[in-house]
C-alpha atoms as a PDB file:
ATOM      1  CA  MET A   1     -45.019 -33.517  42.746  1.00  0.00           C
ATOM      2  CA  ASP A   2     -47.871 -32.989  40.668  1.00  0.00           C
ATOM      3  CA  SER A   3     -47.800 -29.267  41.513  1.00  0.00           C
ATOM      4  CA  ASN A   4     -44.210 -28.559  40.640  1.00  0.00           C
ATOM      5  CA  ILE A   5     -45.189 -29.935  37.091  1.00  0.00           C
ATOM      6  CA  TRP A   6     -48.124 -27.484  36.605  1.00  0.00           C
ATOM      7  CA  GLU A   7     -46.338 -24.866  38.129  1.00  0.00           C
ATOM      8  CA  GLY A   8     -43.269 -25.829  35.383  1.00  0.00           C
ATOM      9  CA  ILE A   9     -45.927 -25.867  32.630  1.00  0.00           C
ATOM     10  CA  VAL A  10     -47.714 -22.427  33.606  1.00  0.00           C
ATOM     11  CA  VAL A  11     -43.980 -21.023  33.949  1.00  0.00           C
ATOM     12  CA  GLY A  12     -42.884 -22.109  30.426  1.00  0.00           C
ATOM     13  CA  ALA A  13     -46.163 -21.083  28.704  1.00  0.00           C
ATOM     14  CA  SER A  14     -46.155 -17.538  30.321  1.00  0.00           C
ATOM     15  CA  GLY A  15     -42.344 -17.287  29.129  1.00  0.00           C
ATOM     16  CA  GLY A  16     -42.986 -18.464  25.675  1.00  0.00           C
ATOM     17  CA  ALA A  17     -46.038 -16.079  25.135  1.00  0.00           C
ATOM     18  CA  ILE A  18     -44.209 -13.126  26.816  1.00  0.00           C
ATOM     19  CA  ALA A  19     -41.163 -13.971  24.419  1.00  0.00           C
ATOM     20  CA  GLY A  20     -43.660 -14.252  21.070  1.00  0.00           C
ATOM     21  CA  LEU A  21     -45.041 -10.817  21.808  1.00  0.00           C
ATOM     22  CA  THR A  22     -41.763  -9.605  22.397  1.00  0.00           C
ATOM     23  CA  VAL A  23     -40.726 -11.098  18.795  1.00  0.00           C
ATOM     24  CA  TYR A  24     -44.143  -9.752  17.386  1.00  0.00           C
ATOM     25  CA  ILE A  25     -43.820  -6.219  19.016  1.00  0.00           C
ATOM     26  CA  VAL A  26     -40.293  -5.676  17.430  1.00  0.00           C
ATOM     27  CA  GLN A  27     -40.948  -6.861  14.213  1.00  0.00           C
ATOM     28  CA  TYR A  28     -44.046  -4.216  13.951  1.00  0.00           C
ATOM     29  CA  LEU A  29     -41.780  -1.468  15.103  1.00  0.00           C
ATOM     30  CA  HIS A  30     -39.177  -2.718  12.607  1.00  0.00           C
ATOM     31  CA  GLU A  31     -41.682  -2.291   9.763  1.00  0.00           C
ATOM     32  CA  LYS A  32     -42.705   0.643  10.813  1.00  0.00           C
ATOM     33  CA  ILE A  33     -39.664   2.649  10.948  1.00  0.00           C
ATOM     34  CA  ARG A  34     -38.554   1.061   7.844  1.00  0.00           C
ATOM     35  CA  ASP A  35     -41.419   2.165   6.059  1.00  0.00           C
ATOM     36  CA  ALA A  36     -41.341   5.811   7.367  1.00  0.00           C
ATOM     37  CA  ARG A  37     -37.784   6.126   6.260  1.00  0.00           C
ATOM     38  CA  GLU A  38     -38.468   4.692   2.710  1.00  0.00           C
ATOM     39  CA  MET A  39     -41.395   6.862   2.600  1.00  0.00           C
ATOM     40  CA  LYS A  40     -39.553   9.935   3.657  1.00  0.00           C
ATOM     41  CA  ARG A  41     -36.871   9.249   1.119  1.00  0.00           C
ATOM     42  CA  VAL A  42     -39.530   8.556  -1.623  1.00  0.00           C
ATOM     43  CA  ASN A  43     -41.477  11.850  -0.775  1.00  0.00           C
ATOM     44  CA  LYS A  44     -38.181  13.963  -1.121  1.00  0.00           C
ATOM     45  CA  TRP A  45     -37.420  12.674  -4.444  1.00  0.00           C
ATOM     46  CA  LEU A  46     -40.935  13.184  -5.862  1.00  0.00           C
ATOM     47  CA  GLU A  47     -41.103  16.574  -4.418  1.00  0.00           C
ATOM     48  CA  VAL A  48     -38.059  17.622  -6.183  1.00  0.00           C
ATOM     49  CA  ASN A  49     -38.346  15.564  -9.745  1.00  0.00           C
ATOM     50  CA  SER A  50     -42.261  16.213 -10.159  1.00  0.00           C
ATOM     51  CA  MET A  51     -42.326  20.028 -10.439  1.00  0.00           C
ATOM     52  CA  GLY A  52     -44.152  21.790 -13.052  1.00  0.00           C
ATOM     53  CA  GLY A  53     -46.821  18.858 -12.822  1.00  0.00           C
ATOM     54  CA  LYS A  54     -44.663  16.222 -13.761  1.00  0.00           C
ATOM     55  CA  TRP A  55     -45.352  12.506 -13.185  1.00  0.00           C
ATOM     56  CA  ARG A  56     -42.981   9.823 -12.210  1.00  0.00           C
ATOM     57  CA  SER A  57     -43.353   6.460 -13.197  1.00  0.00           C
ATOM     58  CA  THR A  58     -42.806   3.576 -10.306  1.00  0.00           C
ATOM     59  CA  ARG A  59     -39.955   2.551 -12.244  1.00  0.00           C
ATOM     60  CA  ALA A  60     -38.033   5.922 -12.392  1.00  0.00           C
ATOM     61  CA  ILE A  61     -38.646   6.280  -8.738  1.00  0.00           C
ATOM     62  CA  ALA A  62     -37.511   2.802  -7.698  1.00  0.00           C
ATOM     63  CA  SER A  63     -34.124   3.594  -9.592  1.00  0.00           C
ATOM     64  CA  TRP A  64     -33.467   6.542  -7.978  1.00  0.00           C
ATOM     65  CA  THR A  65     -34.532   5.428  -4.592  1.00  0.00           C
ATOM     66  CA  ASN A  66     -32.936   2.366  -4.685  1.00  0.00           C
ATOM     67  CA  LEU A  67     -35.993   0.516  -4.187  1.00  0.00           C
ATOM     68  CA  THR A  68     -37.863  -2.360  -5.754  1.00  0.00           C
ATOM     69  CA  GLU A  69     -40.692  -1.193  -7.810  1.00  0.00           C
ATOM     70  CA  ASP A  70     -43.252  -3.105  -5.529  1.00  0.00           C
ATOM     71  CA  ARG A  71     -41.912  -1.395  -2.331  1.00  0.00           C
ATOM     72  CA  VAL A  72     -42.388   1.919  -4.493  1.00  0.00           C
ATOM     73  CA  GLN A  73     -45.976   1.170  -5.516  1.00  0.00           C
ATOM     74  CA  TYR A  74     -46.669  -0.093  -1.878  1.00  0.00           C
ATOM     75  CA  LEU A  75     -45.445   3.330  -0.334  1.00  0.00           C
ATOM     76  CA  CYS A  76     -46.861   5.660  -3.081  1.00  0.00           C
ATOM     77  CA  SER A  77     -50.173   3.837  -2.137  1.00  0.00           C
ATOM     78  CA  LYS A  78     -49.917   4.446   1.788  1.00  0.00           C
ATOM     79  CA  SER A  79     -48.502   7.798   1.100  1.00  0.00           C
ATOM     80  CA  GLU A  80     -50.802  10.818   1.855  1.00  0.00           C
ATOM     81  CA  ALA A  81     -48.350  12.953   0.037  1.00  0.00           C
ATOM     82  CA  VAL A  82     -48.034  11.035  -3.109  1.00  0.00           C
ATOM     83  CA  GLN A  83     -51.104  11.339  -5.632  1.00  0.00           C
ATOM     84  CA  LEU A  84     -51.565   8.847  -8.096  1.00  0.00           C
ATOM     85  CA  SER A  85     -52.452   9.975 -11.507  1.00  0.00           C
ATOM     86  CA  THR A  86     -55.827   8.649 -13.229  1.00  0.00           C
ATOM     87  CA  GLY A  87     -56.072  10.877 -16.002  1.00  0.00           C
ATOM     88  CA  GLU A  88     -53.839  11.371 -19.334  1.00  0.00           C
ATOM     89  CA  ASN A  89     -51.060   9.988 -17.334  1.00  0.00           C
ATOM     90  CA  GLU A  90     -52.531   6.939 -15.711  1.00  0.00           C
ATOM     91  CA  GLY A  91     -50.553   4.833 -13.189  1.00  0.00           C
ATOM     92  CA  LEU A  92     -47.948   7.415 -12.580  1.00  0.00           C
ATOM     93  CA  TRP A  93     -47.216   9.133  -9.400  1.00  0.00           C
ATOM     94  CA  GLY A  94     -46.846  12.534  -8.375  1.00  0.00           C
ATOM     95  CA  HIS A  95     -46.003  14.625  -5.210  1.00  0.00           C
ATOM     96  CA  ARG A  96     -49.374  16.302  -4.310  1.00  0.00           C
ATOM     97  CA  ASP A  97     -47.892  19.916  -3.317  1.00  0.00           C
ATOM     98  CA  SER A  98     -45.682  19.904  -6.409  1.00  0.00           C
ATOM     99  CA  ILE A  99     -48.240  18.526  -8.944  1.00  0.00           C
ATOM    100  CA  ASN A 100     -51.034  21.016  -7.391  1.00  0.00           C
ATOM    101  CA  ARG A 101     -48.813  24.162  -7.799  1.00  0.00           C
ATOM    102  CA  THR A 102     -49.629  26.501 -10.566  1.00  0.00           C
ATOM    103  CA  ASP A 103     -46.687  28.816 -10.111  1.00  0.00           C
ATOM    104  CA  CYS A 104     -44.132  26.487 -12.070  1.00  0.00           C
END
């Protein structure tokens, strides 16, 4: 009788741990997929709209990509394709390939 109780406890704890890990993994994957999808949208918009050395504000990017300003700020800071202006246009974003072109 005593061993049945311990077996039940072990089985219950194992099941709970597996369920918890599964939920964590699914949430992590969902977050990464969402980040990648939204980052692609921001990068694509910036590539087209920062031609000729134009810098774009977080608000403009958010407006055109239908994301919040906080979300755009986060995505732009994580993207290697997006560059933050630190000079005259401080606080504005631009796509690296578009900003660094001299032929535009």
